[in-house]
Amino acid sequence: MVDKDGTPYGADIRGLLKGFAGDLYKKKGHTLNAANEIEGFLFQGADAERRYHETNTFNYVNTGGYYHSLPGDPLRMFIDTTAEVQRAMGFQNEKDHPEVAPSQFEINYGYGEVVAAADQIQLYKLICRQVATKMGLTACFLPKPVVGVNGNGMHTNVSISENGNNLFWIPKAKRSSAKLVGLSSTGSLLTEMTSVFCSMPA
């Protein structure tokens, strides 16, 4: 997105990320990578979120939890179909499974450059929602749609690479003399997150 004068729009988060990643690559030759593990719920009805104000409830399609979904089960069929569509769209799927809460799922795929990884989050959710709708169900990514069970999370695994080499991985033989990029980056993240959370109103 661009502003009226043609400069990058200041409120475009994707644009800011793209600019930051591009500047880092120009200055240091570093590529930022991310892999996201996105959790969601599958609920009965194609419009479960829109009708929540009428029903005040979400109905599970499965109550088994982790790895308890059998062939032919709606949750298993949803996961398999979604994973197949993702692969057809170029996702490098690694694993998929029901999650801890009833009717919850997670479909993991390989890491990518950070802007592409951010785009994949949106594609992932769109694919899940479309597959669910075709099945007469709702894929829900609200953080805590059901009280008393685990909510939806999104682990984000990050790394920095240079010339295709992961700078967070250091062979034992080189650890004493290597520049510990991973530890330095982690320290910076912890420092910045502390300042963000400490500035939030109680």
Protein backbone atom coordinates (compact mmCIF):
# COMPACT_ATOMS: atom_id res chain seq x y z
CA MET A 1 0.00 0.00 0.00
CA VAL A 2 1.19 3.52 -0.78
CA ASP A 3 0.17 6.93 0.46
CA LYS A 4 -1.03 9.81 -1.74
CA ASP A 5 2.54 10.93 -2.40
CA GLY A 6 3.64 7.43 -3.46
CA THR A 7 5.56 6.63 -0.29
CA PRO A 8 4.82 3.47 1.71
CA TYR A 9 1.67 3.87 3.82
CA GLY A 10 2.68 4.17 7.47
CA ALA A 11 -0.18 2.01 8.81
CA ASP A 12 0.46 -0.86 6.37
CA ILE A 13 1.89 -3.51 8.70
CA ARG A 14 2.80 -5.84 5.82
CA GLY A 15 4.59 -2.97 4.08
CA LEU A 16 6.51 -2.11 7.24
CA LEU A 17 7.58 -5.74 7.63
CA LYS A 18 8.61 -5.91 3.98
CA GLY A 19 10.61 -2.68 4.30
CA PHE A 20 12.34 -3.81 7.50
CA ALA A 21 13.25 -7.21 6.04
CA GLY A 22 14.50 -5.60 2.82
CA ASP A 23 16.65 -3.05 4.68
CA LEU A 24 18.18 -5.78 6.84
CA TYR A 25 19.04 -7.82 3.76
CA LYS A 26 20.67 -4.80 2.06
CA LYS A 27 22.70 -3.84 5.15
CA LYS A 28 23.76 -7.27 6.43
CA GLY A 29 22.73 -9.86 3.85
CA HIS A 30 20.40 -11.42 6.42
CA THR A 31 17.09 -13.05 5.51
CA LEU A 32 14.37 -13.21 8.17
CA ASN A 33 12.43 -16.49 8.27
CA ALA A 34 9.31 -17.60 10.11
CA ALA A 35 7.15 -20.71 10.45
CA ASN A 36 3.72 -20.32 12.03
CA GLU A 37 1.75 -23.03 13.84
CA ILE A 38 -1.85 -21.82 13.68
CA GLU A 39 -4.57 -23.40 15.82
CA GLY A 40 -8.29 -23.23 15.07
CA PHE A 41 -11.63 -24.74 16.04
CA LEU A 42 -14.11 -26.51 13.79
CA PHE A 43 -17.72 -25.90 14.79
CA GLN A 44 -21.05 -27.22 13.54
CA GLY A 45 -22.93 -25.01 11.08
CA ALA A 46 -21.61 -22.92 8.21
CA ASP A 47 -22.37 -19.66 10.05
CA ALA A 48 -21.58 -20.50 13.68
CA GLU A 49 -19.75 -17.22 14.35
CA ARG A 50 -22.40 -15.02 12.74
CA ARG A 51 -25.19 -16.73 14.68
CA TYR A 52 -23.42 -16.81 18.05
CA HIS A 53 -25.47 -13.85 19.32
CA GLU A 54 -28.59 -15.99 18.79
CA THR A 55 -27.30 -19.28 20.23
CA ASN A 56 -24.67 -18.15 22.78
CA THR A 57 -22.80 -21.38 22.09
CA PHE A 58 -20.46 -23.13 19.68
CA ASN A 59 -21.11 -26.81 18.99
CA TYR A 60 -18.13 -29.14 18.56
CA VAL A 61 -17.87 -31.58 15.65
CA ASN A 62 -15.52 -33.78 17.68
CA THR A 63 -14.83 -34.20 21.39
CA GLY A 64 -11.78 -36.46 21.21
CA GLY A 65 -8.85 -34.07 21.55
CA TYR A 66 -5.23 -34.82 20.63
CA TYR A 67 -4.88 -37.66 18.06
CA HIS A 68 -8.32 -39.10 18.87
CA SER A 69 -9.89 -38.36 15.49
CA LEU A 70 -10.68 -41.50 13.45
CA PRO A 71 -11.02 -41.85 9.66
CA GLY A 72 -14.42 -40.59 8.54
CA ASP A 73 -14.69 -38.23 11.52
CA PRO A 74 -15.66 -34.68 10.39
CA LEU A 75 -12.58 -33.12 12.01
CA ARG A 76 -10.25 -35.66 10.38
CA MET A 77 -11.93 -35.18 6.99
CA PHE A 78 -11.62 -31.40 7.34
CA ILE A 79 -7.93 -31.61 8.26
CA ASP A 80 -7.14 -34.00 5.37
CA THR A 81 -9.03 -31.92 2.80
CA THR A 82 -7.49 -28.65 3.98
CA ALA A 83 -3.98 -30.14 3.91
CA GLU A 84 -4.56 -31.39 0.36
CA VAL A 85 -5.69 -27.94 -0.80
CA GLN A 86 -2.70 -26.33 0.91
CA ARG A 87 -0.27 -28.67 -0.85
CA ALA A 88 -1.93 -27.88 -4.19
CA MET A 89 -1.28 -24.17 -3.46
CA GLY A 90 2.41 -24.73 -2.72
CA PHE A 91 2.43 -25.09 1.06
CA GLN A 92 5.15 -27.46 2.28
CA ASN A 93 3.01 -29.32 4.81
CA GLU A 94 4.88 -31.06 7.61
CA LYS A 95 2.24 -32.41 9.99
CA ASP A 96 -1.42 -32.04 10.84
CA HIS A 97 -3.47 -33.22 13.79
CA PRO A 98 -6.35 -32.50 16.15
CA GLU A 99 -5.26 -30.28 19.03
CA VAL A 100 -5.75 -30.52 22.81
CA ALA A 101 -9.22 -28.95 23.02
CA PRO A 102 -12.27 -30.70 21.58
CA SER A 103 -12.81 -29.98 17.86
CA GLN A 104 -9.51 -28.08 17.65
CA PHE A 105 -6.95 -28.50 14.86
CA GLU A 106 -3.46 -27.48 13.75
CA ILE A 107 -1.91 -27.91 10.30
CA ASN A 108 1.82 -27.14 10.21
CA TYR A 109 3.87 -26.24 7.16
CA GLY A 110 7.50 -25.35 6.45
CA TYR A 111 9.19 -22.03 7.16
CA GLY A 112 9.59 -19.26 4.63
CA GLU A 113 10.86 -15.72 4.21
CA VAL A 114 9.07 -13.58 6.77
CA VAL A 115 6.78 -11.61 4.40
CA ALA A 116 5.78 -14.78 2.53
CA ALA A 117 5.18 -16.45 5.91
CA ALA A 118 2.89 -13.58 6.95
CA ASP A 119 0.96 -13.94 3.68
CA GLN A 120 0.62 -17.67 4.30
CA ILE A 121 -1.17 -16.99 7.60
CA GLN A 122 -3.95 -15.24 5.70
CA LEU A 123 -4.05 -17.90 2.98
CA TYR A 124 -4.14 -20.67 5.60
CA LYS A 125 -7.15 -19.13 7.34
CA LEU A 126 -8.94 -18.47 4.05
CA ILE A 127 -8.41 -22.07 2.89
CA CYS A 128 -9.63 -23.44 6.24
CA ARG A 129 -12.71 -21.26 6.18
CA GLN A 130 -13.59 -22.17 2.59
CA VAL A 131 -13.12 -25.91 3.15
CA ALA A 132 -15.19 -25.75 6.34
CA THR A 133 -17.99 -23.81 4.60
CA LYS A 134 -18.16 -26.41 1.82
CA MET A 135 -18.58 -29.05 4.55
CA GLY A 136 -21.36 -27.03 6.21
CA LEU A 137 -19.07 -26.14 9.13
CA THR A 138 -17.19 -23.12 10.52
CA ALA A 139 -13.42 -22.81 10.95
CA CYS A 140 -12.92 -20.39 13.84
CA PHE A 141 -9.69 -18.59 14.75
CA LEU A 142 -10.98 -16.48 17.64
CA PRO A 143 -8.43 -16.57 20.48
CA LYS A 144 -10.83 -17.95 23.12
CA PRO A 145 -14.20 -18.94 21.63
CA VAL A 146 -15.06 -21.50 24.32
CA VAL A 147 -14.71 -21.03 28.09
CA GLY A 148 -13.07 -23.87 30.03
CA VAL A 149 -10.91 -25.35 27.25
CA ASN A 150 -7.66 -24.32 25.58
CA GLY A 151 -7.87 -21.30 23.29
CA ASN A 152 -6.32 -20.85 19.85
CA GLY A 153 -2.64 -19.97 19.75
CA MET A 154 -0.05 -19.39 17.07
CA HIS A 155 3.51 -20.42 17.84
CA THR A 156 5.91 -18.57 15.57
CA ASN A 157 9.33 -20.11 14.99
CA VAL A 158 11.90 -17.60 13.77
CA SER A 159 15.41 -17.73 12.35
CA ILE A 160 17.86 -15.57 10.43
CA SER A 161 19.81 -16.91 7.48
CA GLU A 162 22.80 -15.68 5.49
CA ASN A 163 23.62 -17.24 2.12
CA GLY A 164 21.22 -20.06 2.95
CA ASN A 165 22.87 -20.83 6.31
CA ASN A 166 20.83 -20.66 9.51
CA LEU A 167 22.66 -18.24 11.80
CA PHE A 168 20.84 -19.61 14.86
CA TRP A 169 22.53 -23.00 14.39
CA ILE A 170 26.15 -23.18 15.46
CA PRO A 171 28.25 -26.36 15.13
CA LYS A 172 29.87 -27.40 18.45
CA ALA A 173 33.35 -26.86 17.06
CA LYS A 174 32.63 -23.20 16.32
CA ARG A 175 30.55 -22.18 19.32
CA SER A 176 33.39 -20.67 21.33
CA SER A 177 34.42 -18.25 18.58
CA ALA A 178 31.15 -17.77 16.67
CA LYS A 179 29.10 -14.63 16.81
CA LEU A 180 26.03 -15.80 18.69
CA VAL A 181 23.40 -14.23 16.45
CA GLY A 182 20.63 -16.40 17.84
CA LEU A 183 21.29 -15.44 21.46
CA SER A 184 21.68 -11.78 20.55
CA SER A 185 18.39 -11.81 18.61
CA THR A 186 16.56 -13.60 21.41
CA GLY A 187 17.88 -11.08 23.93
CA SER A 188 16.66 -8.19 21.77
CA LEU A 189 13.21 -9.79 21.41
CA LEU A 190 12.90 -10.25 25.18
CA THR A 191 14.00 -6.66 25.81
CA GLU A 192 11.56 -5.21 23.29
CA MET A 193 8.64 -7.38 24.44
CA THR A 194 9.28 -6.35 28.04
CA SER A 195 9.01 -2.69 27.07
CA VAL A 196 5.82 -3.36 25.07
CA PHE A 197 4.07 -5.23 27.89
CA CYS A 198 5.25 -2.84 30.60
CA SER A 199 3.77 0.10 28.65
CA MET A 200 0.34 -1.53 28.32
CA PRO A 201 -2.41 -0.21 30.62
CA ALA A 202 -3.44 -2.52 33.44
